[in-house]
C-alpha atoms as a PDB file:
ATOM      1  CA  MET A   1      58.551   6.674  56.501  1.00  0.00           C
ATOM      2  CA  GLY A   2      62.247   6.003  56.108  1.00  0.00           C
ATOM      3  CA  HIS A   3      62.562   2.921  53.916  1.00  0.00           C
ATOM      4  CA  GLU A   4      63.252   4.818  50.669  1.00  0.00           C
ATOM      5  CA  ASN A   5      66.842   3.498  50.573  1.00  0.00           C
ATOM      6  CA  ILE A   6      65.667  -0.105  50.913  1.00  0.00           C
ATOM      7  CA  THR A   7      63.156  -1.590  48.494  1.00  0.00           C
ATOM      8  CA  GLU A   8      63.898  -5.236  49.292  1.00  0.00           C
ATOM      9  CA  PHE A   9      65.388  -7.432  52.006  1.00  0.00           C
ATOM     10  CA  ILE A  10      67.605 -10.512  51.792  1.00  0.00           C
ATOM     11  CA  LEU A  11      66.493 -13.408  53.996  1.00  0.00           C
ATOM     12  CA  LEU A  12      69.519 -15.281  55.324  1.00  0.00           C
ATOM     13  CA  GLY A  13      67.331 -18.344  55.926  1.00  0.00           C
ATOM     14  CA  LEU A  14      68.069 -21.315  58.141  1.00  0.00           C
ATOM     15  CA  PHE A  15      71.220 -22.862  56.687  1.00  0.00           C
ATOM     16  CA  SER A  16      74.091 -21.836  54.486  1.00  0.00           C
ATOM     17  CA  ASP A  17      75.383 -25.369  53.830  1.00  0.00           C
ATOM     18  CA  GLU A  18      74.187 -26.743  50.455  1.00  0.00           C
ATOM     19  CA  ASP A  19      73.570 -30.336  51.650  1.00  0.00           C
ATOM     20  CA  GLU A  20      71.639 -29.176  54.710  1.00  0.00           C
ATOM     21  CA  ARG A  21      69.468 -26.957  52.519  1.00  0.00           C
ATOM     22  CA  ILE A  22      68.596 -29.799  50.134  1.00  0.00           C
ATOM     23  CA  ALA A  23      67.789 -32.148  53.041  1.00  0.00           C
ATOM     24  CA  CYS A  24      65.601 -29.463  54.636  1.00  0.00           C
ATOM     25  CA  PHE A  25      63.878 -28.789  51.296  1.00  0.00           C
ATOM     26  CA  VAL A  26      62.740 -32.438  51.224  1.00  0.00           C
ATOM     27  CA  VAL A  27      61.764 -32.514  54.932  1.00  0.00           C
ATOM     28  CA  PHE A  28      59.881 -29.186  54.913  1.00  0.00           C
ATOM     29  CA  SER A  29      58.106 -30.005  51.640  1.00  0.00           C
ATOM     30  CA  PHE A  30      56.885 -33.214  53.260  1.00  0.00           C
ATOM     31  CA  CYS A  31      55.864 -31.291  56.405  1.00  0.00           C
ATOM     32  CA  TYR A  32      53.917 -28.713  54.373  1.00  0.00           C
ATOM     33  CA  ILE A  33      52.080 -31.418  52.395  1.00  0.00           C
ATOM     34  CA  ALA A  34      51.278 -33.181  55.698  1.00  0.00           C
ATOM     35  CA  ILE A  35      49.945 -29.909  57.200  1.00  0.00           C
ATOM     36  CA  LEU A  36      47.726 -29.206  54.179  1.00  0.00           C
ATOM     37  CA  SER A  37      46.359 -32.753  53.856  1.00  0.00           C
ATOM     38  CA  GLY A  38      45.917 -33.326  57.612  1.00  0.00           C
ATOM     39  CA  ASN A  39      44.053 -30.087  58.232  1.00  0.00           C
ATOM     40  CA  LEU A  40      42.019 -30.492  55.048  1.00  0.00           C
ATOM     41  CA  LEU A  41      40.982 -33.946  56.265  1.00  0.00           C
ATOM     42  CA  ILE A  42      39.769 -32.430  59.562  1.00  0.00           C
ATOM     43  CA  LEU A  43      37.867 -29.655  57.743  1.00  0.00           C
ATOM     44  CA  LEU A  44      36.140 -32.087  55.353  1.00  0.00           C
ATOM     45  CA  THR A  45      35.332 -34.564  58.143  1.00  0.00           C
ATOM     46  CA  ILE A  46      33.747 -31.915  60.366  1.00  0.00           C
ATOM     47  CA  SER A  47      31.808 -30.193  57.569  1.00  0.00           C
ATOM     48  CA  GLY A  48      30.563 -33.538  56.229  1.00  0.00           C
ATOM     49  CA  SER A  49      29.375 -34.952  59.574  1.00  0.00           C
ATOM     50  CA  ARG A  50      27.113 -34.103  62.507  1.00  0.00           C
ATOM     51  CA  LEU A  51      30.195 -32.937  64.437  1.00  0.00           C
ATOM     52  CA  ARG A  52      29.881 -29.462  62.883  1.00  0.00           C
ATOM     53  CA  GLU A  53      26.843 -28.859  65.136  1.00  0.00           C
ATOM     54  CA  GLN A  54      29.016 -29.151  68.274  1.00  0.00           C
ATOM     55  CA  PRO A  55      30.811 -25.982  69.428  1.00  0.00           C
ATOM     56  CA  MET A  56      34.088 -27.824  70.063  1.00  0.00           C
ATOM     57  CA  TYR A  57      34.304 -28.976  66.442  1.00  0.00           C
ATOM     58  CA  PHE A  58      33.077 -25.605  65.159  1.00  0.00           C
ATOM     59  CA  PHE A  59      36.221 -24.102  66.741  1.00  0.00           C
ATOM     60  CA  LEU A  60      38.425 -27.025  65.711  1.00  0.00           C
ATOM     61  CA  SER A  61      37.497 -26.542  62.040  1.00  0.00           C
ATOM     62  CA  TYR A  62      38.474 -22.862  62.247  1.00  0.00           C
ATOM     63  CA  LEU A  63      41.680 -23.762  64.102  1.00  0.00           C
ATOM     64  CA  SER A  64      42.577 -26.140  61.252  1.00  0.00           C
ATOM     65  CA  PHE A  65      41.781 -23.447  58.689  1.00  0.00           C
ATOM     66  CA  MET A  66      44.001 -20.951  60.558  1.00  0.00           C
ATOM     67  CA  ASP A  67      46.793 -23.561  60.729  1.00  0.00           C
ATOM     68  CA  VAL A  68      46.732 -23.850  56.929  1.00  0.00           C
ATOM     69  CA  CYS A  69      46.670 -20.056  56.440  1.00  0.00           C
ATOM     70  CA  PHE A  70      49.359 -19.407  59.062  1.00  0.00           C
ATOM     71  CA  THR A  71      51.784 -22.001  57.675  1.00  0.00           C
ATOM     72  CA  SER A  72      51.060 -20.878  54.094  1.00  0.00           C
ATOM     73  CA  THR A  73      52.311 -17.354  54.857  1.00  0.00           C
ATOM     74  CA  VAL A  74      55.729 -18.766  55.782  1.00  0.00           C
ATOM     75  CA  ALA A  75      56.285 -22.305  54.411  1.00  0.00           C
ATOM     76  CA  PRO A  76      56.169 -21.826  50.591  1.00  0.00           C
ATOM     77  CA  LYS A  77      58.756 -19.009  50.741  1.00  0.00           C
ATOM     78  CA  LEU A  78      60.910 -20.965  53.223  1.00  0.00           C
ATOM     79  CA  ILE A  79      60.826 -24.082  50.995  1.00  0.00           C
ATOM     80  CA  THR A  80      61.575 -22.296  47.690  1.00  0.00           C
ATOM     81  CA  ASP A  81      64.328 -20.192  49.318  1.00  0.00           C
ATOM     82  CA  LEU A  82      66.161 -23.374  50.362  1.00  0.00           C
ATOM     83  CA  LEU A  83      66.945 -23.967  46.683  1.00  0.00           C
ATOM     84  CA  ALA A  84      67.280 -20.304  45.640  1.00  0.00           C
ATOM     85  CA  GLN A  85      70.658 -18.619  45.306  1.00  0.00           C
ATOM     86  CA  GLN A  86      69.356 -15.148  46.129  1.00  0.00           C
ATOM     87  CA  LYS A  87      66.657 -15.104  48.827  1.00  0.00           C
ATOM     88  CA  THR A  88      65.104 -11.673  48.386  1.00  0.00           C
ATOM     89  CA  ILE A  89      61.715 -10.308  49.461  1.00  0.00           C
ATOM     90  CA  SER A  90      60.376  -6.871  48.533  1.00  0.00           C
ATOM     91  CA  TYR A  91      59.664  -4.327  51.284  1.00  0.00           C
ATOM     92  CA  ASN A  92      55.886  -4.514  50.690  1.00  0.00           C
ATOM     93  CA  SER A  93      55.859  -8.338  50.581  1.00  0.00           C
ATOM     94  CA  CYS A  94      57.876  -8.365  53.799  1.00  0.00           C
ATOM     95  CA  MET A  95      55.308  -6.132  55.554  1.00  0.00           C
ATOM     96  CA  ALA A  96      52.451  -8.259  54.176  1.00  0.00           C
ATOM     97  CA  GLN A  97      54.105 -11.503  55.312  1.00  0.00           C
ATOM     98  CA  MET A  98      54.644 -10.096  58.809  1.00  0.00           C
ATOM     99  CA  PHE A  99      51.026  -8.887  59.010  1.00  0.00           C
ATOM    100  CA  TYR A 100      49.503 -12.212  57.885  1.00  0.00           C
ATOM    101  CA  ALA A 101      51.821 -14.347  60.035  1.00  0.00           C
ATOM    102  CA  HIS A 102      50.830 -12.343  63.125  1.00  0.00           C
ATOM    103  CA  PHE A 103      47.166 -12.175  62.096  1.00  0.00           C
ATOM    104  CA  PHE A 104      46.677 -15.915  61.546  1.00  0.00           C
ATOM    105  CA  GLY A 105      48.910 -16.825  64.497  1.00  0.00           C
ATOM    106  CA  ALA A 106      47.060 -14.515  66.901  1.00  0.00           C
ATOM    107  CA  THR A 107      43.652 -15.710  65.634  1.00  0.00           C
ATOM    108  CA  GLU A 108      44.811 -19.244  66.419  1.00  0.00           C
ATOM    109  CA  ILE A 109      45.775 -18.217  69.967  1.00  0.00           C
ATOM    110  CA  PHE A 110      42.360 -16.636  70.575  1.00  0.00           C
ATOM    111  CA  ILE A 111      40.561 -19.686  69.116  1.00  0.00           C
ATOM    112  CA  LEU A 112      42.525 -21.917  71.530  1.00  0.00           C
ATOM    113  CA  VAL A 113      41.219 -19.698  74.362  1.00  0.00           C
ATOM    114  CA  ALA A 114      37.647 -20.026  73.037  1.00  0.00           C
ATOM    115  CA  MET A 115      38.108 -23.827  72.917  1.00  0.00           C
ATOM    116  CA  ALA A 116      39.265 -23.831  76.551  1.00  0.00           C
ATOM    117  CA  TYR A 117      36.149 -21.824  77.489  1.00  0.00           C
ATOM    118  CA  ASP A 118      34.034 -24.355  75.580  1.00  0.00           C
ATOM    119  CA  ARG A 119      35.602 -27.293  77.476  1.00  0.00           C
ATOM    120  CA  TYR A 120      35.078 -25.443  80.770  1.00  0.00           C
ATOM    121  CA  ALA A 121      31.379 -24.912  79.958  1.00  0.00           C
ATOM    122  CA  ALA A 122      30.944 -28.548  78.840  1.00  0.00           C
ATOM    123  CA  ILE A 123      32.563 -30.085  81.924  1.00  0.00           C
ATOM    124  CA  CYS A 124      31.900 -27.586  84.710  1.00  0.00           C
ATOM    125  CA  ARG A 125      28.460 -26.320  83.608  1.00  0.00           C
ATOM    126  CA  PRO A 126      26.943 -29.260  81.664  1.00  0.00           C
ATOM    127  CA  LEU A 127      23.283 -28.349  82.337  1.00  0.00           C
ATOM    128  CA  HIS A 128      23.704 -24.844  80.901  1.00  0.00           C
ATOM    129  CA  TYR A 129      26.156 -25.849  78.168  1.00  0.00           C
ATOM    130  CA  MET A 130      23.851 -25.388  75.168  1.00  0.00           C
ATOM    131  CA  VAL A 131      22.883 -21.906  76.381  1.00  0.00           C
ATOM    132  CA  ILE A 132      26.444 -20.835  77.279  1.00  0.00           C
ATOM    133  CA  MET A 133      27.842 -22.128  73.970  1.00  0.00           C
ATOM    134  CA  SER A 134      24.978 -21.386  71.580  1.00  0.00           C
ATOM    135  CA  ARG A 135      25.876 -20.973  67.905  1.00  0.00           C
ATOM    136  CA  GLN A 136      25.494 -17.202  68.318  1.00  0.00           C
ATOM    137  CA  VAL A 137      28.075 -17.192  71.161  1.00  0.00           C
ATOM    138  CA  CYS A 138      30.428 -19.287  68.999  1.00  0.00           C
ATOM    139  CA  TYR A 139      30.263 -16.716  66.194  1.00  0.00           C
ATOM    140  CA  VAL A 140      30.786 -13.830  68.633  1.00  0.00           C
ATOM    141  CA  LEU A 141      33.883 -15.559  70.062  1.00  0.00           C
ATOM    142  CA  LEU A 142      35.185 -16.233  66.531  1.00  0.00           C
ATOM    143  CA  MET A 143      34.635 -12.621  65.425  1.00  0.00           C
ATOM    144  CA  ALA A 144      36.281 -11.343  68.634  1.00  0.00           C
ATOM    145  CA  SER A 145      39.285 -13.618  67.904  1.00  0.00           C
ATOM    146  CA  ILE A 146      39.597 -12.238  64.362  1.00  0.00           C
ATOM    147  CA  LEU A 147      39.206  -8.623  65.472  1.00  0.00           C
ATOM    148  CA  GLY A 148      41.719  -9.015  68.324  1.00  0.00           C
ATOM    149  CA  ALA A 149      44.216 -10.628  65.938  1.00  0.00           C
ATOM    150  CA  PHE A 150      43.727  -7.846  63.369  1.00  0.00           C
ATOM    151  CA  LEU A 151      44.434  -5.121  65.948  1.00  0.00           C
ATOM    152  CA  HIS A 152      47.523  -6.989  67.180  1.00  0.00           C
ATOM    153  CA  SER A 153      48.895  -7.463  63.637  1.00  0.00           C
ATOM    154  CA  ILE A 154      48.248  -3.930  62.460  1.00  0.00           C
ATOM    155  CA  LEU A 155      50.102  -2.647  65.549  1.00  0.00           C
ATOM    156  CA  GLN A 156      53.208  -4.703  64.608  1.00  0.00           C
ATOM    157  CA  VAL A 157      53.146  -3.339  61.053  1.00  0.00           C
ATOM    158  CA  LEU A 158      52.624   0.280  62.196  1.00  0.00           C
ATOM    159  CA  ILE A 159      55.680  -0.035  64.464  1.00  0.00           C
ATOM    160  CA  ILE A 160      57.883  -1.315  61.599  1.00  0.00           C
ATOM    161  CA  ILE A 161      56.753   1.006  58.759  1.00  0.00           C
ATOM    162  CA  GLU A 162      57.724   4.045  60.827  1.00  0.00           C
ATOM    163  CA  LEU A 163      61.335   2.824  61.141  1.00  0.00           C
ATOM    164  CA  PRO A 164      64.142   4.186  58.965  1.00  0.00           C
ATOM    165  CA  PHE A 165      66.022   1.454  57.059  1.00  0.00           C
ATOM    166  CA  CYS A 166      69.235   2.630  55.427  1.00  0.00           C
ATOM    167  CA  GLY A 167      71.138  -0.671  55.124  1.00  0.00           C
ATOM    168  CA  PRO A 168      72.270  -3.377  55.605  1.00  0.00           C
ATOM    169  CA  ASN A 169      69.185  -5.175  54.342  1.00  0.00           C
ATOM    170  CA  GLN A 170      69.944  -8.766  55.419  1.00  0.00           C
ATOM    171  CA  ILE A 171      67.303 -10.305  57.718  1.00  0.00           C
ATOM    172  CA  ASP A 172      68.765 -13.057  59.896  1.00  0.00           C
ATOM    173  CA  HIS A 173      65.621 -15.206  59.642  1.00  0.00           C
ATOM    174  CA  TYR A 174      63.611 -17.235  57.129  1.00  0.00           C
ATOM    175  CA  PHE A 175      60.579 -14.905  57.207  1.00  0.00           C
ATOM    176  CA  CYS A 176      59.852 -11.268  58.045  1.00  0.00           C
ATOM    177  CA  ASP A 177      59.249 -10.815  61.748  1.00  0.00           C
ATOM    178  CA  VAL A 178      59.393  -7.900  64.144  1.00  0.00           C
ATOM    179  CA  PHE A 179      62.615  -8.570  66.103  1.00  0.00           C
ATOM    180  CA  PRO A 180      64.865  -9.348  63.086  1.00  0.00           C
ATOM    181  CA  LEU A 181      63.555  -6.171  61.363  1.00  0.00           C
ATOM    182  CA  LEU A 182      64.116  -4.019  64.466  1.00  0.00           C
ATOM    183  CA  LYS A 183      67.786  -5.079  64.370  1.00  0.00           C
ATOM    184  CA  LEU A 184      68.122  -3.559  60.864  1.00  0.00           C
ATOM    185  CA  ALA A 185      66.647  -0.147  61.677  1.00  0.00           C
ATOM    186  CA  CYS A 186      69.199   2.680  61.732  1.00  0.00           C
ATOM    187  CA  MET A 187      67.965   4.114  65.038  1.00  0.00           C
ATOM    188  CA  ASP A 188      67.855   3.022  68.663  1.00  0.00           C
ATOM    189  CA  THR A 189      64.998   0.508  68.919  1.00  0.00           C
ATOM    190  CA  SER A 190      65.503  -0.633  72.518  1.00  0.00           C
ATOM    191  CA  LEU A 191      62.259   1.078  73.611  1.00  0.00           C
ATOM    192  CA  LEU A 192      60.306  -0.620  70.791  1.00  0.00           C
ATOM    193  CA  VAL A 193      61.762  -3.996  71.806  1.00  0.00           C
ATOM    194  CA  ILE A 194      60.353  -3.416  75.302  1.00  0.00           C
ATOM    195  CA  VAL A 195      56.965  -2.428  73.794  1.00  0.00           C
ATOM    196  CA  ILE A 196      56.798  -5.634  71.722  1.00  0.00           C
ATOM    197  CA  ILE A 197      57.926  -7.855  74.611  1.00  0.00           C
ATOM    198  CA  SER A 198      55.331  -6.230  76.854  1.00  0.00           C
ATOM    199  CA  THR A 199      52.536  -6.688  74.266  1.00  0.00           C
ATOM    200  CA  THR A 200      53.156  -9.900  72.313  1.00  0.00           C
ATOM    201  CA  GLY A 201      55.368 -11.570  74.926  1.00  0.00           C
ATOM    202  CA  VAL A 202      53.251 -10.789  77.959  1.00  0.00           C
ATOM    203  CA  LEU A 203      50.046 -11.567  76.027  1.00  0.00           C
ATOM    204  CA  SER A 204      51.490 -15.006  75.148  1.00  0.00           C
ATOM    205  CA  ILE A 205      52.481 -15.708  78.761  1.00  0.00           C
ATOM    206  CA  LEU A 206      49.166 -14.498  80.243  1.00  0.00           C
ATOM    207  CA  THR A 207      47.146 -16.497  77.703  1.00  0.00           C
ATOM    208  CA  PHE A 208      49.237 -19.599  78.346  1.00  0.00           C
ATOM    209  CA  VAL A 209      48.891 -19.259  82.141  1.00  0.00           C
ATOM    210  CA  ALA A 210      45.129 -18.633  81.814  1.00  0.00           C
ATOM    211  CA  LEU A 211      44.765 -21.758  79.657  1.00  0.00           C
ATOM    212  CA  VAL A 212      46.770 -23.901  82.091  1.00  0.00           C
ATOM    213  CA  ILE A 213      44.694 -22.623  85.061  1.00  0.00           C
ATOM    214  CA  SER A 214      41.436 -23.280  83.170  1.00  0.00           C
ATOM    215  CA  TYR A 215      42.533 -26.886  82.561  1.00  0.00           C
ATOM    216  CA  ILE A 216      43.498 -27.334  86.210  1.00  0.00           C
ATOM    217  CA  ILE A 217      39.951 -26.193  87.145  1.00  0.00           C
ATOM    218  CA  ILE A 218      38.436 -28.535  84.540  1.00  0.00           C
ATOM    219  CA  LEU A 219      40.520 -31.516  85.698  1.00  0.00           C
ATOM    220  CA  SER A 220      39.708 -30.877  89.374  1.00  0.00           C
ATOM    221  CA  THR A 221      35.971 -30.794  88.470  1.00  0.00           C
ATOM    222  CA  LEU A 222      36.337 -34.152  86.693  1.00  0.00           C
ATOM    223  CA  ARG A 223      37.072 -35.947  89.986  1.00  0.00           C
ATOM    224  CA  THR A 224      33.352 -35.933  90.819  1.00  0.00           C
ATOM    225  CA  HIS A 225      32.351 -37.445  87.432  1.00  0.00           C
ATOM    226  CA  SER A 226      31.910 -41.087  86.486  1.00  0.00           C
ATOM    227  CA  TYR A 227      34.893 -42.988  85.073  1.00  0.00           C
ATOM    228  CA  GLN A 228      33.450 -43.117  81.540  1.00  0.00           C
ATOM    229  CA  SER A 229      32.644 -39.403  81.243  1.00  0.00           C
ATOM    230  CA  CYS A 230      35.958 -38.657  82.971  1.00  0.00           C
ATOM    231  CA  ARG A 231      37.889 -40.651  80.360  1.00  0.00           C
ATOM    232  CA  LYS A 232      36.126 -38.970  77.431  1.00  0.00           C
ATOM    233  CA  ALA A 233      36.656 -35.484  78.862  1.00  0.00           C
ATOM    234  CA  LEU A 234      40.311 -36.253  79.559  1.00  0.00           C
ATOM    235  CA  SER A 235      40.920 -37.377  75.972  1.00  0.00           C
ATOM    236  CA  THR A 236      39.505 -34.145  74.487  1.00  0.00           C
ATOM    237  CA  CYS A 237      41.213 -31.954  77.094  1.00  0.00           C
ATOM    238  CA  GLY A 238      44.444 -33.924  76.762  1.00  0.00           C
ATOM    239  CA  SER A 239      44.681 -33.258  73.034  1.00  0.00           C
ATOM    240  CA  HIS A 240      43.892 -29.580  73.577  1.00  0.00           C
ATOM    241  CA  ILE A 241      46.529 -29.210  76.333  1.00  0.00           C
ATOM    242  CA  THR A 242      49.143 -30.874  74.071  1.00  0.00           C
ATOM    243  CA  VAL A 243      48.420 -28.384  71.259  1.00  0.00           C
ATOM    244  CA  VAL A 244      48.552 -25.445  73.689  1.00  0.00           C
ATOM    245  CA  PHE A 245      51.983 -26.502  75.005  1.00  0.00           C
ATOM    246  CA  MET A 246      53.400 -27.157  71.518  1.00  0.00           C
ATOM    247  CA  PHE A 247      52.221 -23.786  70.218  1.00  0.00           C
ATOM    248  CA  PHE A 248      52.810 -21.522  73.210  1.00  0.00           C
ATOM    249  CA  LEU A 249      56.176 -22.575  74.636  1.00  0.00           C
ATOM    250  CA  PRO A 250      58.214 -21.794  71.461  1.00  0.00           C
ATOM    251  CA  LEU A 251      56.154 -18.604  71.022  1.00  0.00           C
ATOM    252  CA  ILE A 252      56.992 -17.424  74.549  1.00  0.00           C
ATOM    253  CA  PHE A 253      60.694 -18.189  74.031  1.00  0.00           C
ATOM    254  CA  THR A 254      60.613 -16.120  70.815  1.00  0.00           C
ATOM    255  CA  TYR A 255      58.791 -13.040  72.096  1.00  0.00           C
ATOM    256  CA  VAL A 256      60.250 -12.970  75.596  1.00  0.00           C
ATOM    257  CA  PRO A 257      63.934 -13.191  74.697  1.00  0.00           C
ATOM    258  CA  MET A 258      66.063 -14.393  77.588  1.00  0.00           C
ATOM    259  CA  ALA A 259      69.198 -13.362  75.671  1.00  0.00           C
ATOM    260  CA  ASP A 260      69.931 -11.637  72.384  1.00  0.00           C
ATOM    261  CA  SER A 261      69.791 -14.748  70.222  1.00  0.00           C
ATOM    262  CA  VAL A 262      68.022 -14.627  66.876  1.00  0.00           C
ATOM    263  CA  SER A 263      69.541 -17.980  65.862  1.00  0.00           C
ATOM    264  CA  ASN A 264      67.458 -19.609  68.612  1.00  0.00           C
ATOM    265  CA  ASP A 265      64.433 -17.617  67.453  1.00  0.00           C
ATOM    266  CA  LYS A 266      64.653 -19.348  64.084  1.00  0.00           C
ATOM    267  CA  VAL A 267      64.546 -22.775  65.732  1.00  0.00           C
ATOM    268  CA  PHE A 268      61.668 -21.794  68.049  1.00  0.00           C
ATOM    269  CA  ALA A 269      59.801 -20.245  65.104  1.00  0.00           C
ATOM    270  CA  LEU A 270      60.073 -23.564  63.230  1.00  0.00           C
ATOM    271  CA  PHE A 271      58.099 -25.166  66.061  1.00  0.00           C
ATOM    272  CA  TYR A 272      55.091 -22.887  65.838  1.00  0.00           C
ATOM    273  CA  THR A 273      55.174 -22.307  62.063  1.00  0.00           C
ATOM    274  CA  MET A 274      55.778 -25.893  60.868  1.00  0.00           C
ATOM    275  CA  ILE A 275      55.948 -28.557  63.576  1.00  0.00           C
ATOM    276  CA  ALA A 276      52.912 -27.692  65.755  1.00  0.00           C
ATOM    277  CA  PRO A 277      50.547 -27.246  62.741  1.00  0.00           C
ATOM    278  CA  MET A 278      51.725 -30.632  61.415  1.00  0.00           C
ATOM    279  CA  PHE A 279      50.983 -32.451  64.679  1.00  0.00           C
ATOM    280  CA  ASN A 280      47.652 -30.721  65.390  1.00  0.00           C
ATOM    281  CA  PRO A 281      45.600 -32.959  63.034  1.00  0.00           C
ATOM    282  CA  LEU A 282      47.293 -36.083  64.439  1.00  0.00           C
ATOM    283  CA  ILE A 283      46.676 -35.017  68.043  1.00  0.00           C
ATOM    284  CA  TYR A 284      43.022 -34.174  67.391  1.00  0.00           C
ATOM    285  CA  THR A 285      42.243 -37.276  65.347  1.00  0.00           C
ATOM    286  CA  LEU A 286      44.274 -40.032  67.009  1.00  0.00           C
ATOM    287  CA  ARG A 287      43.173 -39.100  70.530  1.00  0.00           C
ATOM    288  CA  ASN A 288      39.568 -38.340  69.655  1.00  0.00           C
ATOM    289  CA  THR A 289      36.970 -41.105  69.338  1.00  0.00           C
ATOM    290  CA  ASP A 290      34.289 -38.812  67.827  1.00  0.00           C
ATOM    291  CA  MET A 291      36.650 -37.697  65.068  1.00  0.00           C
ATOM    292  CA  LYS A 292      37.743 -41.280  64.328  1.00  0.00           C
ATOM    293  CA  ASN A 293      34.106 -42.446  64.128  1.00  0.00           C
ATOM    294  CA  ALA A 294      33.149 -39.516  61.889  1.00  0.00           C
ATOM    295  CA  MET A 295      36.086 -40.251  59.591  1.00  0.00           C
ATOM    296  CA  LYS A 296      35.147 -43.919  59.344  1.00  0.00           C
ATOM    297  CA  LYS A 297      31.540 -42.994  58.517  1.00  0.00           C
ATOM    298  CA  ILE A 298      32.423 -40.433  55.860  1.00  0.00           C
ATOM    299  CA  TRP A 299      35.440 -41.986  54.183  1.00  0.00           C
ATOM    300  CA  CYS A 300      34.336 -45.625  54.475  1.00  0.00           C
ATOM    301  CA  ARG A 301      30.875 -44.706  53.200  1.00  0.00           C
ATOM    302  CA  ASP A 302      32.458 -43.043  50.156  1.00  0.00           C
ATOM    303  CA  THR A 303      34.539 -46.146  49.346  1.00  0.00           C
ATOM    304  CA  GLN A 304      31.496 -48.408  49.833  1.00  0.00           C
ATOM    305  CA  LEU A 305      29.466 -46.252  47.416  1.00  0.00           C
ATOM    306  CA  GLU A 306      32.274 -46.449  44.871  1.00  0.00           C
ATOM    307  CA  GLU A 307      32.399 -50.245  45.190  1.00  0.00           C
ATOM    308  CA  LYS A 308      28.649 -50.520  44.585  1.00  0.00           C
END
């Protein structure tokens, strides 16, 4: 291991201008509060209603939980650094942040795949749905998602901890990620860049394409259904497709670099670390009748009990 010379890194962050940093501090603080409260609302609604018995909402509750964890590995440091003069992070904290960001992010990707499989089973195989998506299958899919994410994350960390860092120690990003760290290594990392693009990048593209194809199959199956069931299926699939696009497109642009541009990476990373997790609760609640009904039942019942 060759990081003996470097015990900490300096994160250059998003902006150098003082006014921009203060404005972003306010905006990102609001975003983070919205992410926490929105996803917490989904978690409480699902756990407090009959929805938790349905596989789709079983996965949605874990997706919300992963959103909170994923954003929490990046957002608090990003927000506090906007007001800090010296934005340092220790070597060990940097490795930990990179591991958790990849772990929670990858788990989220795999859960989105499991949700697509669930929608496929519900719409294309309705008679066998309860067998295909039994609670046991749901747990197996969840555990497979977690295990797959763990292997992916540990691989990223193993690549980085073997690199020699002998200075400079300035990371041109607002959190520790693989590409910005590779740029700081005092050795030729072009082969490692190819390895990461061919693992993370290709995995992102293949998953995205697989999800899009699965939804094309689902939507083509819907043509034979009645208007009512068609409308309901479209609303749940529509919200899922929106989340998939919001999460995957910036991710693909980050891990399949078209040009050597870390500045763009920072903007793309903002999409999947802050913006997508903030919109997920809105997409899943505003477009979903079951969620709206469950919320009314739980939260209106609580206020009625208080009034009595």
